[in-house]
Protein backbone atom coordinates (compact mmCIF):
# COMPACT_ATOMS: atom_id res chain seq x y z
CA MET A 1 0.00 0.00 0.00
CA ARG A 2 2.78 2.42 0.96
CA ARG A 3 4.69 1.69 -2.27
CA ILE A 4 1.57 2.51 -4.31
CA ILE A 5 1.02 5.77 -2.46
CA ILE A 6 4.70 6.67 -2.88
CA ALA A 7 4.49 6.01 -6.60
CA MET A 8 1.42 8.24 -6.85
CA LEU A 9 3.05 10.99 -4.85
CA LEU A 10 6.20 10.89 -6.97
CA ILE A 11 4.14 11.75 -10.02
CA LEU A 12 3.88 15.19 -8.41
CA ALA A 13 7.52 15.43 -7.31
CA PHE A 14 9.43 16.92 -10.23
CA THR A 15 12.80 18.37 -9.24
CA PRO A 16 14.15 21.62 -10.71
CA ALA A 17 17.83 22.42 -11.37
CA ILE A 18 19.97 23.86 -8.55
CA THR A 19 23.55 23.71 -7.22
CA VAL A 20 25.11 22.11 -4.13
CA HIS A 21 28.21 20.73 -2.41
CA ALA A 22 30.40 17.64 -2.67
CA GLU A 23 30.99 14.91 -0.12
CA SER A 24 33.94 12.68 0.70
CA THR A 25 34.98 10.60 -2.32
CA THR A 26 37.78 8.43 -3.61
CA ARG A 27 39.07 9.51 -7.02
CA GLU A 28 40.93 7.04 -9.18
CA VAL A 29 43.54 8.47 -11.56
CA LYS A 30 45.02 6.23 -14.29
CA VAL A 31 48.63 7.16 -15.06
CA TYR A 32 50.58 5.60 -17.96
CA LEU A 33 54.37 5.38 -17.68
CA TYR A 34 55.99 4.98 -21.10
CA HIS A 35 59.23 3.47 -19.77
CA ASP A 36 60.74 2.01 -16.59
CA TYR A 37 62.12 4.12 -13.73
CA THR A 38 64.59 3.17 -11.00
CA ASP A 39 63.53 5.94 -8.62
CA CYS A 40 59.95 6.84 -9.52
CA VAL A 41 58.02 9.43 -7.53
CA PHE A 42 54.36 10.42 -7.82
CA LEU A 43 53.48 13.98 -6.87
CA VAL A 44 49.83 14.46 -5.83
CA SER A 45 48.36 17.89 -5.12
CA TRP A 46 44.84 19.22 -4.57
CA ALA A 47 43.30 22.68 -4.68
CA ASP A 48 42.03 23.01 -1.10
CA ALA A 49 45.27 22.88 0.89
CA GLU A 50 43.32 22.98 4.18
CA GLN A 51 41.92 19.50 3.53
CA THR A 52 43.76 16.25 4.17
CA ALA A 53 43.80 13.25 1.84
CA ALA A 54 44.59 9.54 2.01
CA ILE A 55 46.49 8.11 -0.98
CA GLN A 56 47.01 4.62 -2.39
CA ILE A 57 48.96 3.68 -5.52
CA LYS A 58 48.49 0.43 -7.46
CA ASP A 59 51.16 -0.74 -9.93
CA PRO A 60 50.46 -2.56 -13.25
CA ASP A 61 50.67 -5.92 -11.44
CA GLY A 62 47.98 -4.92 -8.93
CA VAL A 63 50.36 -4.39 -5.97
CA VAL A 64 49.00 -1.64 -3.68
CA ILE A 65 51.33 0.90 -2.06
CA ASP A 66 49.93 2.99 0.82
CA ALA A 67 51.24 6.50 1.26
CA ASN A 68 52.72 6.74 4.78
CA THR A 69 55.40 8.58 6.72
CA ALA A 70 58.04 6.08 5.59
CA ASN A 71 57.64 6.65 1.84
CA THR A 72 55.87 10.00 1.60
CA ASP A 73 56.62 13.64 2.22
CA PHE A 74 53.36 15.34 3.20
CA GLY A 75 52.71 19.06 2.84
CA ASN A 76 49.75 21.42 2.72
CA GLY A 77 47.59 20.22 -0.14
CA GLN A 78 50.20 17.86 -1.55
CA ALA A 79 52.14 14.63 -1.07
CA SER A 80 55.24 13.20 -2.77
CA ILE A 81 55.19 9.38 -2.74
CA SER A 82 58.36 7.43 -3.57
CA VAL A 83 57.58 4.03 -5.09
CA GLY A 84 61.15 3.08 -6.03
CA THR A 85 61.54 0.95 -9.14
CA ALA A 86 58.55 1.43 -11.46
CA LYS A 87 57.83 -0.55 -14.60
CA SER A 88 56.12 0.93 -17.63
CA GLY A 89 52.37 0.54 -18.01
CA TYR A 90 49.22 1.82 -16.34
CA TRP A 91 49.43 2.84 -12.69
CA TYR A 92 46.43 3.86 -10.58
CA VAL A 93 46.44 6.58 -7.93
CA LEU A 94 43.48 6.65 -5.50
CA VAL A 95 42.96 9.92 -3.60
CA THR A 96 40.35 10.03 -0.82
CA GLY A 97 39.18 13.22 0.88
CA GLU A 98 36.39 15.74 1.34
CA ASN A 99 35.98 18.74 -0.97
CA LEU A 100 39.54 18.50 -2.31
CA GLY A 101 38.77 20.39 -5.52
CA THR A 102 41.08 20.09 -8.53
CA ILE A 103 43.58 17.24 -8.22
CA ASN A 104 46.91 17.17 -10.11
CA ILE A 105 49.03 14.03 -10.39
CA SER A 106 52.40 13.56 -12.05
CA GLY A 107 54.91 10.74 -12.12
CA GLY A 108 58.54 10.54 -13.10
CA SER A 109 62.15 10.45 -12.01
CA LYS A 110 62.86 11.53 -8.44
CA ASN A 111 65.80 13.70 -9.49
CA ALA A 112 63.73 15.52 -12.09
CA MET A 113 60.56 16.14 -10.08
CA SER A 114 61.65 19.62 -9.00
CA SER A 115 61.00 20.96 -12.46
CA GLN A 116 57.26 21.59 -12.79
CA TYR A 117 56.56 21.83 -16.51
CA ASN A 118 53.77 20.74 -18.81
CA ALA A 119 54.35 20.76 -22.55
CA ILE A 120 50.57 20.69 -23.20
CA GLN A 121 49.53 24.33 -23.41
CA SER A 122 45.85 23.66 -24.10
CA PHE A 123 43.36 20.89 -24.84
CA ASP A 124 39.71 21.47 -25.79
CA ALA A 125 36.81 19.26 -26.83
CA GLU A 126 33.32 19.95 -28.16
CA VAL A 127 30.44 17.90 -29.53
CA SER A 128 28.86 19.18 -32.74
CA GLY A 129 27.16 17.75 -35.82
CA GLY A 130 27.52 14.15 -34.74
CA TYR A 131 31.26 14.46 -34.06
CA ILE A 132 33.49 14.99 -31.05
CA ASN A 133 36.01 17.63 -32.10
CA PHE A 134 39.37 18.00 -30.31
CA LYS A 135 41.98 20.76 -30.47
CA TRP A 136 45.38 20.88 -28.76
CA ASN A 137 48.52 22.94 -28.56
CA VAL A 138 51.74 21.23 -27.37
CA THR A 139 55.16 22.86 -27.02
CA ALA A 140 57.66 20.41 -28.51
CA GLU A 141 60.93 20.53 -30.41
CA GLN A 142 59.80 17.80 -32.79
CA ASP A 143 57.43 18.46 -35.65
CA THR A 144 55.38 15.36 -34.82
CA ILE A 145 54.55 13.74 -31.49
CA ASN A 146 52.67 10.73 -30.10
CA ILE A 147 49.13 11.75 -29.04
CA THR A 148 46.45 9.56 -27.48
CA ILE A 149 42.96 10.73 -26.55
CA ASN A 150 40.98 8.74 -23.97
CA ALA A 151 37.29 8.95 -23.08
CA SER A 152 36.00 8.04 -19.62
CA GLN A 153 32.55 8.30 -18.11
CA GLY A 154 32.20 10.33 -14.97
CA SER A 155 33.69 13.65 -13.95
CA SER A 156 37.13 15.05 -14.72
CA TYR A 157 39.32 17.86 -13.44
CA SER A 158 41.79 19.82 -15.51
CA SER A 159 45.43 19.36 -14.66
CA SER A 160 47.97 22.13 -14.80
CA TYR A 161 51.27 20.37 -14.37
CA SER A 162 53.38 17.92 -15.57
CA GLY A 163 56.84 16.92 -15.81
CA SER A 164 60.47 17.32 -15.72
CA TYR A 165 63.11 17.13 -18.34
CA GLY A 166 61.29 14.59 -20.37
CA SER A 167 60.57 12.17 -17.56
CA SER A 168 57.22 13.26 -16.23
CA TYR A 169 53.59 12.35 -16.46
CA SER A 170 50.55 14.28 -15.30
CA SER A 171 46.90 13.38 -15.11
CA SER A 172 43.71 14.57 -13.48
CA TYR A 173 40.58 12.51 -13.24
CA SER A 174 37.70 12.08 -10.81
CA GLY A 175 36.55 8.52 -10.48
CA SER A 176 33.62 7.16 -8.56
CA TYR A 177 34.17 6.15 -4.97
CA GLY A 178 37.24 4.16 -5.84
CA SER A 179 36.02 2.53 -9.01
CA SER A 180 36.47 3.69 -12.59
CA TYR A 181 33.24 3.87 -14.54
CA GLY A 182 34.98 3.08 -17.83
CA SER A 183 37.85 4.45 -19.92
CA ARG A 184 38.88 3.74 -23.51
CA THR A 185 41.16 5.13 -26.20
CA ILE A 186 39.15 6.71 -29.02
CA TRP A 187 41.95 8.36 -31.05
CA ASN A 188 45.70 7.84 -31.43
CA ASP A 189 48.39 9.11 -33.78
CA TYR A 190 52.12 8.39 -33.42
CA SER A 191 53.02 11.27 -35.72
CA ALA A 192 50.48 13.94 -34.83
CA ALA A 193 51.11 17.64 -35.26
CA SER A 194 52.03 19.48 -32.07
CA ASN A 195 49.38 22.07 -32.84
CA GLY A 196 46.45 20.18 -34.34
CA THR A 197 42.90 18.90 -34.36
CA ALA A 198 41.04 15.60 -34.59
CA SER A 199 37.43 14.49 -34.94
CA VAL A 200 35.74 11.28 -33.82
CA SER A 201 32.21 10.18 -34.66
CA SER A 202 29.82 10.36 -31.73
CA ASP A 203 28.70 6.85 -32.68
CA GLU A 204 32.03 5.56 -31.35
CA LEU A 205 30.63 5.98 -27.82
CA GLN A 206 27.39 5.00 -26.16
CA THR A 207 25.13 7.92 -25.32
CA GLY A 208 26.41 9.31 -22.04
CA LEU A 209 28.49 11.86 -20.14
CA TYR A 210 32.24 11.69 -20.90
CA SER A 211 35.50 13.26 -19.82
CA PHE A 212 38.31 13.46 -22.40
CA THR A 213 42.03 13.30 -21.63
CA ILE A 214 44.96 13.88 -23.97
CA GLN A 215 48.24 12.01 -23.38
CA VAL A 216 51.40 13.29 -25.11
CA PHE A 217 54.81 11.64 -25.52
CA ASP A 218 57.45 13.65 -27.35
CA GLY A 219 60.25 11.11 -27.16
CA GLU A 220 61.57 12.55 -23.92
CA GLY A 221 58.67 13.66 -21.76
CA GLN A 222 55.14 12.36 -21.22
CA TYR A 223 52.27 14.64 -20.28
CA THR A 224 48.52 14.53 -19.70
CA LEU A 225 45.73 17.10 -19.55
CA SER A 226 41.94 16.69 -19.18
CA ILE A 227 39.04 18.92 -20.20
CA ASP A 228 37.50 21.00 -17.42
CA GLU A 229 34.00 19.49 -17.42
CA PRO A 230 32.40 16.35 -18.87
CA LEU A 231 30.59 16.53 -22.22
CA TYR A 232 27.28 14.97 -23.27
CA VAL A 233 27.74 12.61 -26.24
CA LYS A 234 24.75 11.23 -28.17
CA GLN A 235 24.70 8.44 -30.70
CA SER A 236 22.92 9.30 -33.93
CA ASN A 237 20.39 6.47 -33.50
CA ALA A 238 19.84 6.97 -29.78
CA PRO A 239 16.16 6.57 -28.75
CA ALA A 240 14.37 9.59 -27.35
CA ARG A 241 14.56 10.52 -23.68
CA LEU A 242 12.26 8.78 -21.24
CA GLU A 243 9.21 10.86 -20.41
CA GLY A 244 7.80 11.69 -17.02
CA VAL A 245 11.10 11.42 -15.15
CA ARG A 246 10.55 12.72 -11.64
CA ALA A 247 12.67 12.47 -8.54
CA GLY A 248 12.62 13.61 -4.96
CA SER A 249 12.23 12.29 -1.45
CA ILE A 250 9.19 11.10 0.47
CA ASP A 251 9.44 11.20 4.24
CA GLY A 252 13.24 11.35 3.90
CA GLU A 253 13.58 8.44 1.45
CA MET A 254 14.86 9.29 -2.04
CA TYR A 255 13.00 7.93 -5.05
CA ALA A 256 12.79 8.35 -8.80
CA THR A 257 10.15 7.27 -11.26
CA TRP A 258 9.45 7.62 -14.98
CA ASN A 259 6.95 6.55 -17.61
CA ALA A 260 7.41 2.95 -18.66
CA SER A 261 8.60 2.65 -22.28
CA SER A 262 9.39 -0.98 -23.07
CA ASN A 263 10.06 -4.42 -21.68
CA ASN A 264 13.83 -3.80 -21.74
CA PRO A 265 15.62 -2.86 -18.51
CA TYR A 266 16.52 0.73 -17.67
CA PHE A 267 20.03 1.99 -16.97
CA VAL A 268 20.22 4.20 -13.87
CA THR A 269 23.21 6.37 -12.94
CA LEU A 270 23.82 8.32 -9.73
CA TYR A 271 26.32 11.18 -9.80
CA GLU A 272 28.15 13.24 -7.23
CA TYR A 273 26.22 16.46 -7.01
CA ASP A 274 28.82 19.08 -7.95
CA THR A 275 31.47 17.00 -9.75
CA LEU A 276 29.24 14.58 -11.69
CA ALA A 277 31.53 11.76 -10.60
CA VAL A 278 29.66 8.49 -11.01
CA ILE A 279 28.60 7.11 -7.62
CA LYS A 280 26.68 4.10 -8.86
CA THR A 281 25.22 2.50 -11.98
CA GLU A 282 22.49 -0.10 -11.86
CA TRP A 283 19.95 -1.85 -14.06
CA SER A 284 16.29 -1.58 -13.13
CA ASP A 285 13.47 -3.73 -14.48
CA ALA A 286 10.78 -1.40 -13.11
CA ASN A 287 10.10 2.29 -13.73
CA PHE A 288 10.52 2.98 -10.02
CA TYR A 289 13.91 3.30 -8.31
CA SER A 290 14.69 3.64 -4.61
CA ILE A 291 17.87 5.68 -4.06
CA ILE A 292 20.03 4.59 -1.12
CA LEU A 293 23.07 6.75 -0.35
CA THR A 294 25.78 6.75 2.29
CA GLU A 295 24.81 8.31 5.61
CA GLY A 296 24.94 12.08 5.60
CA LEU A 297 24.68 12.42 1.82
CA ASP A 298 21.43 14.21 1.03
CA LYS A 299 22.15 15.63 -2.43
CA VAL A 300 22.72 13.66 -5.59
CA LYS A 301 22.22 13.82 -9.34
CA PHE A 302 20.40 11.15 -11.27
CA SER A 303 19.81 9.99 -14.82
CA VAL A 304 17.95 7.08 -16.39
CA GLN A 305 18.12 5.66 -19.91
CA SER A 306 16.02 3.17 -21.77
CA THR A 307 17.85 0.49 -23.70
CA ASP A 308 17.15 -1.07 -27.06
CA GLY A 309 19.57 -3.91 -27.51
CA GLU A 310 23.01 -2.28 -27.71
CA THR A 311 21.69 1.28 -27.87
CA TYR A 312 21.09 3.63 -24.93
CA SER A 313 18.57 6.45 -25.08
CA GLU A 314 19.19 10.14 -24.59
CA PHE A 315 18.78 11.42 -21.04
CA ASP A 316 18.63 14.47 -18.80
CA ILE A 317 20.34 14.82 -15.44
CA PHE A 318 18.05 15.52 -12.51
CA GLU A 319 18.98 16.87 -9.11
CA ILE A 320 17.64 15.41 -5.89
CA ILE A 321 17.99 17.40 -2.68
CA SER A 322 16.42 15.60 0.24
CA SER A 323 14.84 17.92 2.81
CA THR A 324 11.78 18.12 5.03
CA PRO A 325 9.16 20.54 3.68
CA ALA A 326 7.84 23.05 6.19
CA GLY A 327 4.18 22.54 7.00
CA THR A 328 1.69 20.32 8.78
CA ILE A 329 -1.68 18.80 7.97
CA THR A 330 -4.18 18.17 10.76
CA PHE A 331 -7.09 15.72 10.72
CA PRO A 332 -10.00 15.37 13.17
CA ASP A 333 -9.10 13.55 16.40
CA TYR A 334 -11.77 10.88 15.96
CA THR A 335 -11.45 7.77 13.78
CA THR A 336 -15.18 6.96 13.56
CA THR A 337 -17.99 9.38 12.77
CA ARG A 338 -21.55 9.47 11.48
CA GLU A 339 -20.94 12.78 9.71
CA SER A 340 -20.44 12.81 5.92
CA ILE A 341 -18.06 15.77 5.85
CA ILE A 342 -14.70 16.00 7.62
CA SER A 343 -12.35 18.99 7.69
CA VAL A 344 -8.62 18.86 6.87
CA LYS A 345 -6.46 21.77 8.05
CA VAL A 346 -3.35 22.72 6.03
CA ASP A 347 -0.68 24.94 7.58
CA CYS A 348 2.27 25.69 5.27
CA PRO A 349 4.35 28.65 4.02
CA PRO A 350 3.72 30.18 0.55
CA ASP A 351 6.53 28.23 -1.16
CA VAL A 352 5.07 24.88 -0.06
CA THR A 353 1.94 23.29 -1.52
CA ALA A 354 -0.38 20.60 -0.21
CA GLY A 355 -2.51 17.81 -1.64
CA VAL A 356 -4.89 15.09 -0.51
CA TYR A 357 -5.53 11.56 -1.76
CA LEU A 358 -8.80 9.91 -0.73
CA ASP A 359 -8.76 6.12 -1.19
CA GLY A 360 -6.03 6.50 -3.85
CA THR A 361 -7.77 9.28 -5.81
CA LEU A 362 -6.20 12.74 -5.89
CA LEU A 363 -8.83 15.21 -4.68
CA LEU A 364 -6.66 18.21 -3.86
CA ASP A 365 -3.38 19.44 -5.36
CA GLN A 366 -1.27 22.61 -5.39
CA ALA A 367 -3.27 23.90 -2.41
CA GLY A 368 -2.12 26.54 0.02
CA ALA A 369 -2.80 26.98 3.70
CA GLY A 370 -6.44 26.72 4.78
CA ASP A 371 -9.28 24.40 5.82
CA TYR A 372 -10.64 21.93 3.26
CA ASP A 373 -13.76 19.74 3.53
CA LEU A 374 -13.87 16.15 2.31
CA ASN A 375 -17.22 14.53 1.51
CA LEU A 376 -17.12 10.86 2.56
CA SER A 377 -19.56 8.08 1.86
CA GLU A 378 -20.39 5.46 4.45
CA GLY A 379 -17.55 2.97 4.94
CA ILE A 380 -13.80 2.84 5.67
CA HIS A 381 -11.60 5.52 4.08
CA ASP A 382 -7.83 6.04 3.83
CA VAL A 383 -6.80 9.69 3.63
CA VAL A 384 -3.19 10.48 2.65
CA ALA A 385 -2.28 14.16 2.62
CA PHE A 386 1.11 15.70 1.81
CA VAL A 387 3.09 18.91 1.72
CA LYS A 388 5.62 19.40 -1.10
CA ASP A 389 8.47 21.88 -1.47
CA SER A 390 10.01 23.33 -4.65
CA TYR A 391 12.61 20.52 -4.80
CA GLY A 392 9.90 17.86 -5.06
CA ASN A 393 10.38 16.63 -1.48
CA ILE A 394 7.24 15.37 0.21
CA THR A 395 6.15 14.79 3.79
CA THR A 396 3.00 12.69 4.20
CA PHE A 397 0.23 12.67 6.80
CA SER A 398 -2.29 9.84 6.91
CA LYS A 399 -5.55 9.05 8.62
CA SER A 400 -8.02 6.17 8.48
CA ILE A 401 -11.62 7.27 9.06
CA ILE A 402 -14.78 5.17 9.31
CA VAL A 403 -18.09 6.81 8.38
CA ASP A 404 -20.86 4.83 10.11
CA LYS A 405 -24.48 5.95 9.87
CA THR A 406 -26.09 2.59 10.66
CA PRO A 407 -27.30 2.01 14.24
CA PRO A 408 -26.26 -1.27 15.88
CA VAL A 409 -28.90 -4.01 15.75
CA VAL A 410 -30.19 -5.25 19.13
CA ASN A 411 -31.46 -8.84 19.34
CA LEU A 412 -33.37 -9.83 22.55
CA ASN A 413 -34.15 -13.35 23.67
CA ASN A 414 -37.13 -12.01 25.70
CA ALA A 415 -40.68 -11.49 24.46
CA ASP A 416 -41.93 -7.93 24.10
CA SER A 417 -44.40 -8.55 26.97
CA VAL A 418 -43.80 -10.86 29.93
CA LYS A 419 -46.08 -11.78 32.88
CA THR A 420 -44.60 -13.44 35.91
CA ALA A 421 -45.21 -14.01 39.60
CA ALA A 422 -41.44 -13.88 40.23
CA ASP A 423 -39.84 -10.78 41.68
CA TYR A 424 -37.12 -10.65 38.98
CA ILE A 425 -36.51 -11.10 35.26
CA VAL A 426 -33.41 -12.04 33.23
CA VAL A 427 -32.88 -9.91 30.11
CA ASP A 428 -30.38 -11.26 27.55
CA GLY A 429 -29.48 -10.73 23.90
CA SER A 430 -26.74 -9.64 21.50
CA THR A 431 -25.50 -6.67 19.42
CA GLU A 432 -22.33 -5.51 17.59
CA PRO A 433 -19.15 -6.49 19.49
CA SER A 434 -17.90 -2.89 19.62
CA ALA A 435 -21.19 -1.40 20.79
CA ILE A 436 -22.07 -0.24 24.31
CA VAL A 437 -25.26 -1.65 25.85
CA ALA A 438 -27.25 0.01 28.65
CA ILE A 439 -30.34 -1.57 30.33
CA ASN A 440 -32.50 0.98 32.06
CA GLY A 441 -29.52 3.36 31.86
CA VAL A 442 -26.98 1.00 33.40
CA GLU A 443 -24.07 -0.03 31.12
CA GLN A 444 -23.54 -3.76 30.78
CA GLU A 445 -20.44 -5.86 30.21
CA LEU A 446 -20.31 -7.46 26.79
CA GLY A 447 -18.87 -10.79 25.76
CA THR A 448 -18.25 -10.70 21.99
CA GLY A 449 -21.45 -8.73 21.58
CA SER A 450 -23.68 -10.74 23.97
CA PHE A 451 -25.14 -9.43 27.23
CA MET A 452 -27.27 -10.67 30.18
CA ALA A 453 -28.74 -8.86 33.19
CA LYS A 454 -30.97 -9.81 36.12
CA LEU A 455 -33.49 -7.08 37.01
CA ALA A 456 -35.68 -6.82 40.13
CA LEU A 457 -39.44 -6.41 39.44
CA SER A 458 -41.98 -4.40 41.31
CA GLU A 459 -45.62 -5.53 41.47
CA GLY A 460 -47.46 -4.48 38.37
CA ILE A 461 -46.07 -3.25 35.05
CA ASN A 462 -42.27 -2.88 34.76
CA PRO A 463 -41.01 -1.11 31.57
CA ILE A 464 -37.50 -2.20 30.52
CA SER A 465 -35.38 -0.24 28.01
CA VAL A 466 -32.35 -1.80 26.19
CA THR A 467 -30.13 0.77 24.36
CA ALA A 468 -27.07 0.04 22.15
CA TYR A 469 -24.58 2.76 21.09
CA ASP A 470 -21.74 2.37 18.51
CA LEU A 471 -18.49 4.35 18.32
CA ALA A 472 -19.98 6.79 15.83
CA GLY A 473 -22.83 7.68 18.21
CA ASN A 474 -25.57 5.77 16.39
CA LYS A 475 -28.24 4.40 18.77
CA SER A 476 -30.81 1.61 18.79
CA VAL A 477 -33.49 1.19 21.51
CA LYS A 478 -35.75 -1.77 22.30
CA THR A 479 -38.35 -1.88 25.10
CA ILE A 480 -40.17 -4.73 26.79
CA THR A 481 -42.71 -4.81 29.64
CA ALA A 482 -42.65 -7.25 32.53
CA GLU A 483 -45.84 -7.57 34.64
CA ARG A 484 -45.57 -9.00 38.15
CA ALA A 485 -48.95 -10.37 39.48
CA ASP A 486 -50.13 -9.62 43.14
CA ALA A 487 -52.13 -11.93 45.60
CA PHE A 488 -55.37 -11.37 43.72
CA SER A 489 -54.01 -11.88 40.40
CA ASP A 490 -55.32 -14.49 37.96
CA ASP A 491 -52.76 -16.96 39.23
CA ARG A 492 -54.35 -17.08 42.72
CA ALA A 493 -57.89 -16.98 41.36
CA VAL A 494 -57.29 -20.45 40.04
CA TYR A 495 -57.46 -21.67 43.64
CA ILE A 496 -59.80 -19.13 45.31
CA ILE A 497 -62.78 -19.25 42.92
CA PRO A 498 -63.30 -23.03 43.14
CA GLY A 499 -63.22 -22.68 46.92
CA ILE A 500 -65.90 -20.03 46.90
CA ILE A 501 -68.07 -22.17 44.64
CA PHE A 502 -67.61 -25.13 46.97
CA ILE A 503 -68.65 -23.06 50.00
CA PHE A 504 -71.67 -21.71 48.13
CA LEU A 505 -72.81 -25.18 47.11
CA THR A 506 -72.28 -26.49 50.60
CA ALA A 507 -74.40 -23.70 52.13
CA TRP A 508 -77.11 -24.23 49.56
CA TYR A 509 -77.17 -27.96 50.32
CA ILE A 510 -77.47 -27.33 54.04
CA LEU A 511 -80.30 -24.90 53.45
CA LEU A 512 -82.27 -27.39 51.39
CA ASN A 513 -81.89 -30.09 54.04
CA LYS A 514 -83.12 -27.72 56.72
CA LYS A 515 -86.28 -26.93 54.76
CA GLN A 516 -87.00 -30.60 54.29
CA LYS A 517 -86.76 -31.33 58.03
CA GLU A 518 -89.13 -28.50 58.86
CA ALA A 519 -91.74 -29.94 56.52
CA LYS A 520 -91.87 -33.52 58.01
CA PRO A 521 -94.01 -32.89 61.20
CA ASP A 522 -96.90 -31.63 59.13
CA GLU A 523 -96.91 -34.84 57.21
CA LYS A 524 -97.37 -36.82 60.50
CA ALA A 525 -100.29 -34.73 61.49
CA ILE A 526 -102.22 -35.63 58.42
């Protein structure tokens, strides 16, 4: 039920574009050494010198070297790590810290590291007309040089340094929490012009966000420079963007949803908010995605793509800023009523709106502060109200209300009229289990809706009233009469009247005998 309500609420939670901060991350920088070194040193520096960083270096064989006091000279915003003998190939430098800003990394001979020089004067990239166009300017004595251009998904930082007397390497790249999202060489020329251009079809890459890095080797030195910000690359046959993409948070939990487009899975990407470094990629079979981030991280960017075989759709990047909207919604205190109309009170500032779902149907949306009446039919109702801020964040308020207009039925096991010579009567029956029963105004204990009471009777007519109340205040009343007979009631007449008749007949018999005796002397005289 909650998932359904959340999905309905997210239809209303569209997030606008804004800016925010970064959180602690691990950036992975891939460094290529063109030849072996006997005394290799990596110099790592970052823009915010007030911040500290932890550094690990992994050689081409996968051996990890931790930067520590034994092999590293630490300074404000920088560290020089001596790795000793270094073989040619790809090395990986992992830098972990909070809000470090631009990171520069170079590698080369220990004796030459004091000379901070980068032969790459500029490197630019743009996407236009179905092509990715590159332009560079390298200071070199040779007419032609070895140039390689790599594309990686995620965020990148420009690097300003590099090397030393032909034995240096410099690179800047922001990875994703210690894992590279993907890097590949898309252009290479062993005899490229030092001041030149190159173009690569956009179809060489899947639709996505890419950083581009140029690597230069002039026979003596090796240098690297990355573009300042990632570029959006679209394949020519990329499907259209998914529609109805909305994201936000509901009661502190981040969610995203979009209109379903096909039976193929969707490709979801989460980015660091201000660097666009890839935090996570995941496939989703449903058009609903629950976003779970590390503790303390409340801002993130999000994109979702549909897939059609090997092709990824276009996409937009959405921003999710989890917060608690200001405002409250108040319902009546009761849960059961016989009234058809209930009032909902909304209290929120002007930049927050409110809405109400009744049994899954949206009745109120984009409402401001005020009192709103809901017309309810008889039965059980679920009311889910919400306040929503400009970022699409929602706080919900719920209430279950029963509208009951039907009085409880009272069933009595007694006749409506009872005559008895006893001085008491037992009244028993049943009603709804939740009802309250009163007999002649005295509340009775119920056992699953049944009741029984012994009442004293006065002589004559005794009216008895049985009343049942339900939680909504509906009432049913039944009355019976109990008549208690006195000494001259019909019950005693059964014995008294035959006695009177017997006495009357006896007296009459005696009287007749007396008259007969009085008449006998006269008969003798005759």
